[in-house]
């Protein structure tokens, strides 16, 4: 079977994106520990999902990234709390995105995933980048993916491509796709704060809750 590397945090987006390729590829999921507040939850959730789906799983520690970070995700700074009506306010959502921004995070993660893909002969790198978050996170955007794929074409001797099936989708559409492909969304964890129970008020939680609410699905 063809092989795929999945950049996997255990969140909604990557769980759905990876499930799209479950039947066609042998999935090798990698989860990064970069000192984020939710590291323990992300690692444990990723393990549970991978066990359920029959995917291999590996944790990669990047302690240096937390040492240089100014993000509230992995410093003592409080993570912003927002309300649902703030999500579509580009100025407010851009401000919260800047607060949680980890320097070049997806560039680092995807480069490491490319190294893994080359080493095991994987054909694709699966990511959960999506249209809704791409509006405020440039390393989630379609343009970023297209440019990174050009870089791989130039810089890798292998035919590897990044696949982001949610790149044009909002969260509600991601949930609909998850239902279609049988993604284990009920096991996923998207909270920035890292508590046992999702906080429900960080931007990631609020976007997730809104999508499930619109589709009348009762998940945390």
C-alpha atoms as a PDB file:
ATOM      1  CA  UNK A   1       0.000   0.000   0.000  1.00  0.00           C
ATOM      2  CA  UNK A   2       1.116   3.569  -0.661  1.00  0.00           C
ATOM      3  CA  UNK A   3       2.453   5.448   2.361  1.00  0.00           C
ATOM      4  CA  UNK A   4       1.537   8.836   3.814  1.00  0.00           C
ATOM      5  CA  UNK A   5       2.910  11.033   6.569  1.00  0.00           C
ATOM      6  CA  UNK A   6       0.313  12.918   8.596  1.00  0.00           C
ATOM      7  CA  UNK A   7       1.192  16.005  10.616  1.00  0.00           C
ATOM      8  CA  UNK A   8      -1.109  15.118  13.479  1.00  0.00           C
ATOM      9  CA  UNK A   9      -2.077  17.071  16.587  1.00  0.00           C
ATOM     10  CA  UNK A  10      -5.170  15.037  17.428  1.00  0.00           C
ATOM     11  CA  UNK A  11      -7.386  17.986  16.502  1.00  0.00           C
ATOM     12  CA  UNK A  12     -10.538  18.084  14.415  1.00  0.00           C
ATOM     13  CA  UNK A  13      -8.910  19.303  11.207  1.00  0.00           C
ATOM     14  CA  UNK A  14      -6.083  16.792  10.998  1.00  0.00           C
ATOM     15  CA  UNK A  15      -8.325  13.916  12.123  1.00  0.00           C
ATOM     16  CA  UNK A  16     -10.710  14.612   9.252  1.00  0.00           C
ATOM     17  CA  UNK A  17      -7.972  15.326   6.700  1.00  0.00           C
ATOM     18  CA  UNK A  18      -6.113  12.123   7.529  1.00  0.00           C
ATOM     19  CA  UNK A  19      -9.268  10.022   7.490  1.00  0.00           C
ATOM     20  CA  UNK A  20      -9.850  11.090   3.880  1.00  0.00           C
ATOM     21  CA  UNK A  21      -6.812   9.007   2.915  1.00  0.00           C
ATOM     22  CA  UNK A  22      -7.313   6.130   5.342  1.00  0.00           C
ATOM     23  CA  UNK A  23      -8.439   3.531   2.811  1.00  0.00           C
ATOM     24  CA  UNK A  24      -5.844   4.349   0.172  1.00  0.00           C
ATOM     25  CA  UNK A  25      -2.682   4.924   2.213  1.00  0.00           C
ATOM     26  CA  UNK A  26      -0.712   3.398   5.049  1.00  0.00           C
ATOM     27  CA  UNK A  27      -0.766   6.301   7.505  1.00  0.00           C
ATOM     28  CA  UNK A  28       2.264   7.288   9.595  1.00  0.00           C
ATOM     29  CA  UNK A  29       1.211  10.059  11.992  1.00  0.00           C
ATOM     30  CA  UNK A  30       3.704  12.365  13.696  1.00  0.00           C
ATOM     31  CA  UNK A  31       2.816  14.616  16.636  1.00  0.00           C
ATOM     32  CA  UNK A  32       5.056  17.482  17.694  1.00  0.00           C
ATOM     33  CA  UNK A  33       5.794  18.433  21.288  1.00  0.00           C
ATOM     34  CA  UNK A  34       7.059  22.002  21.182  1.00  0.00           C
ATOM     35  CA  UNK A  35       6.241  22.912  24.760  1.00  0.00           C
ATOM     36  CA  UNK A  36       2.638  23.853  24.005  1.00  0.00           C
ATOM     37  CA  UNK A  37       0.170  23.962  26.893  1.00  0.00           C
ATOM     38  CA  UNK A  38      -1.918  21.261  25.210  1.00  0.00           C
ATOM     39  CA  UNK A  39       1.020  18.921  24.499  1.00  0.00           C
ATOM     40  CA  UNK A  40      -0.080  16.165  26.882  1.00  0.00           C
ATOM     41  CA  UNK A  41      -3.652  16.189  25.592  1.00  0.00           C
ATOM     42  CA  UNK A  42      -2.559  16.352  21.943  1.00  0.00           C
ATOM     43  CA  UNK A  43      -0.169  13.422  22.346  1.00  0.00           C
ATOM     44  CA  UNK A  44      -2.636  11.245  24.258  1.00  0.00           C
ATOM     45  CA  UNK A  45      -5.495  12.076  21.894  1.00  0.00           C
ATOM     46  CA  UNK A  46      -3.332  11.377  18.845  1.00  0.00           C
ATOM     47  CA  UNK A  47      -2.357   8.002  20.276  1.00  0.00           C
ATOM     48  CA  UNK A  48      -5.997   7.074  20.889  1.00  0.00           C
ATOM     49  CA  UNK A  49      -7.069   8.079  17.401  1.00  0.00           C
ATOM     50  CA  UNK A  50      -4.162   6.273  15.771  1.00  0.00           C
ATOM     51  CA  UNK A  51      -4.862   3.121  17.752  1.00  0.00           C
ATOM     52  CA  UNK A  52      -8.516   3.231  16.722  1.00  0.00           C
ATOM     53  CA  UNK A  53      -7.693   3.826  13.057  1.00  0.00           C
ATOM     54  CA  UNK A  54      -4.707   1.477  12.821  1.00  0.00           C
ATOM     55  CA  UNK A  55      -2.204   4.235  12.038  1.00  0.00           C
ATOM     56  CA  UNK A  56       1.356   4.281  13.320  1.00  0.00           C
ATOM     57  CA  UNK A  57       2.214   7.161  15.641  1.00  0.00           C
ATOM     58  CA  UNK A  58       5.398   8.898  16.710  1.00  0.00           C
ATOM     59  CA  UNK A  59       6.049  11.909  18.923  1.00  0.00           C
ATOM     60  CA  UNK A  60       8.793  14.353  17.948  1.00  0.00           C
ATOM     61  CA  UNK A  61      10.149  16.697  20.623  1.00  0.00           C
ATOM     62  CA  UNK A  62      11.163  20.214  19.594  1.00  0.00           C
ATOM     63  CA  UNK A  63      12.201  21.863  22.891  1.00  0.00           C
ATOM     64  CA  UNK A  64      14.119  24.632  21.118  1.00  0.00           C
ATOM     65  CA  UNK A  65      10.915  25.944  19.555  1.00  0.00           C
ATOM     66  CA  UNK A  66       9.395  26.764  22.935  1.00  0.00           C
ATOM     67  CA  UNK A  67      12.614  28.460  24.028  1.00  0.00           C
ATOM     68  CA  UNK A  68      12.413  31.020  21.225  1.00  0.00           C
ATOM     69  CA  UNK A  69       8.630  31.331  21.147  1.00  0.00           C
ATOM     70  CA  UNK A  70       6.657  34.394  22.193  1.00  0.00           C
ATOM     71  CA  UNK A  71       3.311  32.660  21.661  1.00  0.00           C
ATOM     72  CA  UNK A  72       0.735  32.256  24.415  1.00  0.00           C
ATOM     73  CA  UNK A  73       0.512  28.602  23.350  1.00  0.00           C
ATOM     74  CA  UNK A  74       3.847  27.801  24.975  1.00  0.00           C
ATOM     75  CA  UNK A  75       4.704  30.694  27.284  1.00  0.00           C
ATOM     76  CA  UNK A  76       3.219  31.912  30.560  1.00  0.00           C
ATOM     77  CA  UNK A  77       1.047  34.426  28.711  1.00  0.00           C
ATOM     78  CA  UNK A  78      -2.701  33.815  28.949  1.00  0.00           C
ATOM     79  CA  UNK A  79      -4.393  32.422  25.865  1.00  0.00           C
ATOM     80  CA  UNK A  80      -7.069  34.824  24.550  1.00  0.00           C
ATOM     81  CA  UNK A  81     -10.724  34.035  25.150  1.00  0.00           C
ATOM     82  CA  UNK A  82     -13.313  35.030  22.572  1.00  0.00           C
ATOM     83  CA  UNK A  83     -17.024  34.829  21.845  1.00  0.00           C
ATOM     84  CA  UNK A  84     -18.668  33.272  18.823  1.00  0.00           C
ATOM     85  CA  UNK A  85     -19.584  36.613  17.273  1.00  0.00           C
ATOM     86  CA  UNK A  86     -15.881  37.559  17.258  1.00  0.00           C
ATOM     87  CA  UNK A  87     -14.980  34.767  14.856  1.00  0.00           C
ATOM     88  CA  UNK A  88     -16.045  36.605  11.720  1.00  0.00           C
ATOM     89  CA  UNK A  89     -14.531  39.913  12.830  1.00  0.00           C
ATOM     90  CA  UNK A  90     -11.272  39.849  10.866  1.00  0.00           C
ATOM     91  CA  UNK A  91      -9.628  42.473  13.059  1.00  0.00           C
ATOM     92  CA  UNK A  92     -10.387  40.621  16.290  1.00  0.00           C
ATOM     93  CA  UNK A  93      -9.559  37.177  14.924  1.00  0.00           C
ATOM     94  CA  UNK A  94      -6.297  38.466  13.455  1.00  0.00           C
ATOM     95  CA  UNK A  95      -5.379  39.832  16.877  1.00  0.00           C
ATOM     96  CA  UNK A  96      -6.008  36.498  18.598  1.00  0.00           C
ATOM     97  CA  UNK A  97      -4.177  34.657  15.815  1.00  0.00           C
ATOM     98  CA  UNK A  98      -1.158  36.869  16.373  1.00  0.00           C
ATOM     99  CA  UNK A  99      -1.263  36.103  20.079  1.00  0.00           C
ATOM    100  CA  UNK A 100      -1.027  32.327  19.523  1.00  0.00           C
ATOM    101  CA  UNK A 101       1.328  32.478  16.529  1.00  0.00           C
ATOM    102  CA  UNK A 102       4.370  30.180  16.940  1.00  0.00           C
ATOM    103  CA  UNK A 103       7.232  31.327  14.734  1.00  0.00           C
ATOM    104  CA  UNK A 104       7.330  29.362  11.446  1.00  0.00           C
ATOM    105  CA  UNK A 105       5.611  26.415  13.129  1.00  0.00           C
ATOM    106  CA  UNK A 106       4.036  24.855  10.053  1.00  0.00           C
ATOM    107  CA  UNK A 107       7.187  25.452   8.035  1.00  0.00           C
ATOM    108  CA  UNK A 108       9.189  23.543  10.652  1.00  0.00           C
ATOM    109  CA  UNK A 109       6.604  20.769  10.985  1.00  0.00           C
ATOM    110  CA  UNK A 110       6.162  20.295   7.244  1.00  0.00           C
ATOM    111  CA  UNK A 111       9.901  20.263   6.601  1.00  0.00           C
ATOM    112  CA  UNK A 112      10.352  17.508   9.176  1.00  0.00           C
ATOM    113  CA  UNK A 113       7.410  15.638   7.657  1.00  0.00           C
ATOM    114  CA  UNK A 114       9.092  15.901   4.255  1.00  0.00           C
ATOM    115  CA  UNK A 115      12.245  14.351   5.701  1.00  0.00           C
ATOM    116  CA  UNK A 116      10.175  11.479   7.089  1.00  0.00           C
ATOM    117  CA  UNK A 117       8.334  11.080   3.810  1.00  0.00           C
ATOM    118  CA  UNK A 118      11.577  10.801   1.869  1.00  0.00           C
ATOM    119  CA  UNK A 119      13.006   8.308   4.366  1.00  0.00           C
ATOM    120  CA  UNK A 120      10.078   5.861   4.243  1.00  0.00           C
ATOM    121  CA  UNK A 121       9.039   6.380   0.639  1.00  0.00           C
ATOM    122  CA  UNK A 122       5.782   8.177   1.405  1.00  0.00           C
ATOM    123  CA  UNK A 123       4.014   9.854  -1.490  1.00  0.00           C
ATOM    124  CA  UNK A 124       2.011  12.460   0.402  1.00  0.00           C
ATOM    125  CA  UNK A 125       2.125  14.624   3.510  1.00  0.00           C
ATOM    126  CA  UNK A 126      -1.335  15.135   5.013  1.00  0.00           C
ATOM    127  CA  UNK A 127      -2.112  18.360   6.864  1.00  0.00           C
ATOM    128  CA  UNK A 128      -5.239  19.886   8.382  1.00  0.00           C
ATOM    129  CA  UNK A 129      -4.787  23.355   6.918  1.00  0.00           C
ATOM    130  CA  UNK A 130      -8.160  24.871   6.105  1.00  0.00           C
ATOM    131  CA  UNK A 131      -9.873  27.853   4.587  1.00  0.00           C
ATOM    132  CA  UNK A 132     -11.389  29.227   7.790  1.00  0.00           C
ATOM    133  CA  UNK A 133      -8.094  29.467   9.671  1.00  0.00           C
ATOM    134  CA  UNK A 134      -6.167  30.330   6.524  1.00  0.00           C
ATOM    135  CA  UNK A 135      -7.806  33.757   6.658  1.00  0.00           C
ATOM    136  CA  UNK A 136      -5.737  34.710   9.715  1.00  0.00           C
ATOM    137  CA  UNK A 137      -2.939  32.122   9.776  1.00  0.00           C
ATOM    138  CA  UNK A 138      -0.856  32.497   6.586  1.00  0.00           C
ATOM    139  CA  UNK A 139       0.733  29.073   7.043  1.00  0.00           C
ATOM    140  CA  UNK A 140      -2.743  27.505   6.765  1.00  0.00           C
ATOM    141  CA  UNK A 141      -3.534  29.135   3.441  1.00  0.00           C
ATOM    142  CA  UNK A 142      -3.905  27.619  -0.008  1.00  0.00           C
ATOM    143  CA  UNK A 143      -1.193  29.921  -1.328  1.00  0.00           C
ATOM    144  CA  UNK A 144       1.209  28.646   1.327  1.00  0.00           C
ATOM    145  CA  UNK A 145       0.465  25.024   0.425  1.00  0.00           C
ATOM    146  CA  UNK A 146       0.951  25.675  -3.279  1.00  0.00           C
ATOM    147  CA  UNK A 147       4.271  27.427  -2.682  1.00  0.00           C
ATOM    148  CA  UNK A 148       5.483  24.676  -0.350  1.00  0.00           C
ATOM    149  CA  UNK A 149       4.643  22.072  -2.976  1.00  0.00           C
ATOM    150  CA  UNK A 150       6.719  24.062  -5.465  1.00  0.00           C
ATOM    151  CA  UNK A 151       9.582  24.015  -2.972  1.00  0.00           C
ATOM    152  CA  UNK A 152       9.303  20.235  -2.679  1.00  0.00           C
ATOM    153  CA  UNK A 153       9.331  19.908  -6.462  1.00  0.00           C
ATOM    154  CA  UNK A 154      12.569  21.884  -6.585  1.00  0.00           C
ATOM    155  CA  UNK A 155      14.242  20.642  -3.427  1.00  0.00           C
ATOM    156  CA  UNK A 156      13.370  16.956  -3.159  1.00  0.00           C
ATOM    157  CA  UNK A 157      14.446  14.136  -5.481  1.00  0.00           C
ATOM    158  CA  UNK A 158      11.200  12.310  -4.644  1.00  0.00           C
ATOM    159  CA  UNK A 159       7.698  12.872  -5.971  1.00  0.00           C
ATOM    160  CA  UNK A 160       6.020  13.990  -2.758  1.00  0.00           C
ATOM    161  CA  UNK A 161       3.137  16.421  -2.375  1.00  0.00           C
ATOM    162  CA  UNK A 162       1.264  18.064   0.458  1.00  0.00           C
ATOM    163  CA  UNK A 163      -2.412  17.130   0.610  1.00  0.00           C
ATOM    164  CA  UNK A 164      -4.842  19.353   2.524  1.00  0.00           C
ATOM    165  CA  UNK A 165      -8.407  18.231   1.746  1.00  0.00           C
ATOM    166  CA  UNK A 166      -9.836  21.001   3.947  1.00  0.00           C
ATOM    167  CA  UNK A 167      -7.842  23.816   2.350  1.00  0.00           C
ATOM    168  CA  UNK A 168     -10.970  25.456   0.887  1.00  0.00           C
ATOM    169  CA  UNK A 169     -13.359  24.493   3.689  1.00  0.00           C
ATOM    170  CA  UNK A 170     -14.756  26.219   6.752  1.00  0.00           C
ATOM    171  CA  UNK A 171     -15.201  24.325  10.027  1.00  0.00           C
ATOM    172  CA  UNK A 172     -18.785  23.344   9.332  1.00  0.00           C
ATOM    173  CA  UNK A 173     -17.751  21.883   5.983  1.00  0.00           C
ATOM    174  CA  UNK A 174     -14.868  20.070   7.678  1.00  0.00           C
ATOM    175  CA  UNK A 175     -17.300  18.394  10.063  1.00  0.00           C
ATOM    176  CA  UNK A 176     -19.524  17.432   7.121  1.00  0.00           C
ATOM    177  CA  UNK A 177     -16.481  15.906   5.405  1.00  0.00           C
ATOM    178  CA  UNK A 178     -15.614  14.091   8.623  1.00  0.00           C
ATOM    179  CA  UNK A 179     -19.063  12.524   8.720  1.00  0.00           C
ATOM    180  CA  UNK A 180     -18.692  11.482   5.099  1.00  0.00           C
ATOM    181  CA  UNK A 181     -15.352   9.717   5.597  1.00  0.00           C
ATOM    182  CA  UNK A 182     -16.035   8.314   9.068  1.00  0.00           C
ATOM    183  CA  UNK A 183     -13.420  10.391  10.861  1.00  0.00           C
ATOM    184  CA  UNK A 184     -13.157   9.782  14.647  1.00  0.00           C
ATOM    185  CA  UNK A 185     -14.148  13.365  15.431  1.00  0.00           C
ATOM    186  CA  UNK A 186     -15.562  12.356  18.798  1.00  0.00           C
ATOM    187  CA  UNK A 187     -12.029  11.516  19.952  1.00  0.00           C
ATOM    188  CA  UNK A 188     -10.377  14.685  18.661  1.00  0.00           C
ATOM    189  CA  UNK A 189      -9.151  17.495  20.929  1.00  0.00           C
ATOM    190  CA  UNK A 190      -8.744  21.056  19.697  1.00  0.00           C
ATOM    191  CA  UNK A 191      -8.346  23.189  22.840  1.00  0.00           C
ATOM    192  CA  UNK A 192      -5.349  25.506  23.132  1.00  0.00           C
ATOM    193  CA  UNK A 193      -5.311  25.467  26.942  1.00  0.00           C
ATOM    194  CA  UNK A 194      -4.645  21.754  27.447  1.00  0.00           C
ATOM    195  CA  UNK A 195      -7.037  21.003  30.305  1.00  0.00           C
ATOM    196  CA  UNK A 196      -8.720  17.603  30.561  1.00  0.00           C
ATOM    197  CA  UNK A 197     -11.990  19.192  29.495  1.00  0.00           C
ATOM    198  CA  UNK A 198     -11.860  21.666  26.568  1.00  0.00           C
ATOM    199  CA  UNK A 199     -12.141  25.254  27.838  1.00  0.00           C
ATOM    200  CA  UNK A 200     -14.808  26.221  25.298  1.00  0.00           C
ATOM    201  CA  UNK A 201     -13.610  29.830  25.115  1.00  0.00           C
ATOM    202  CA  UNK A 202     -10.296  29.818  23.232  1.00  0.00           C
ATOM    203  CA  UNK A 203     -10.573  30.512  19.515  1.00  0.00           C
ATOM    204  CA  UNK A 204      -9.996  26.889  18.531  1.00  0.00           C
ATOM    205  CA  UNK A 205     -12.723  25.661  20.881  1.00  0.00           C
ATOM    206  CA  UNK A 206     -15.198  28.325  19.789  1.00  0.00           C
ATOM    207  CA  UNK A 207     -14.706  27.589  16.083  1.00  0.00           C
ATOM    208  CA  UNK A 208     -15.148  23.885  16.746  1.00  0.00           C
ATOM    209  CA  UNK A 209     -18.267  24.395  18.892  1.00  0.00           C
ATOM    210  CA  UNK A 210     -19.876  26.649  16.304  1.00  0.00           C
ATOM    211  CA  UNK A 211     -19.407  24.063  13.553  1.00  0.00           C
ATOM    212  CA  UNK A 212     -20.879  21.225  15.601  1.00  0.00           C
ATOM    213  CA  UNK A 213     -23.754  23.424  16.787  1.00  0.00           C
ATOM    214  CA  UNK A 214     -24.679  24.402  13.238  1.00  0.00           C
ATOM    215  CA  UNK A 215     -24.919  20.715  12.333  1.00  0.00           C
ATOM    216  CA  UNK A 216     -26.672  19.789  15.587  1.00  0.00           C
ATOM    217  CA  UNK A 217     -23.858  17.449  16.643  1.00  0.00           C
ATOM    218  CA  UNK A 218     -23.103  17.149  20.356  1.00  0.00           C
ATOM    219  CA  UNK A 219     -19.347  16.779  20.760  1.00  0.00           C
ATOM    220  CA  UNK A 220     -17.092  18.756  23.117  1.00  0.00           C
END
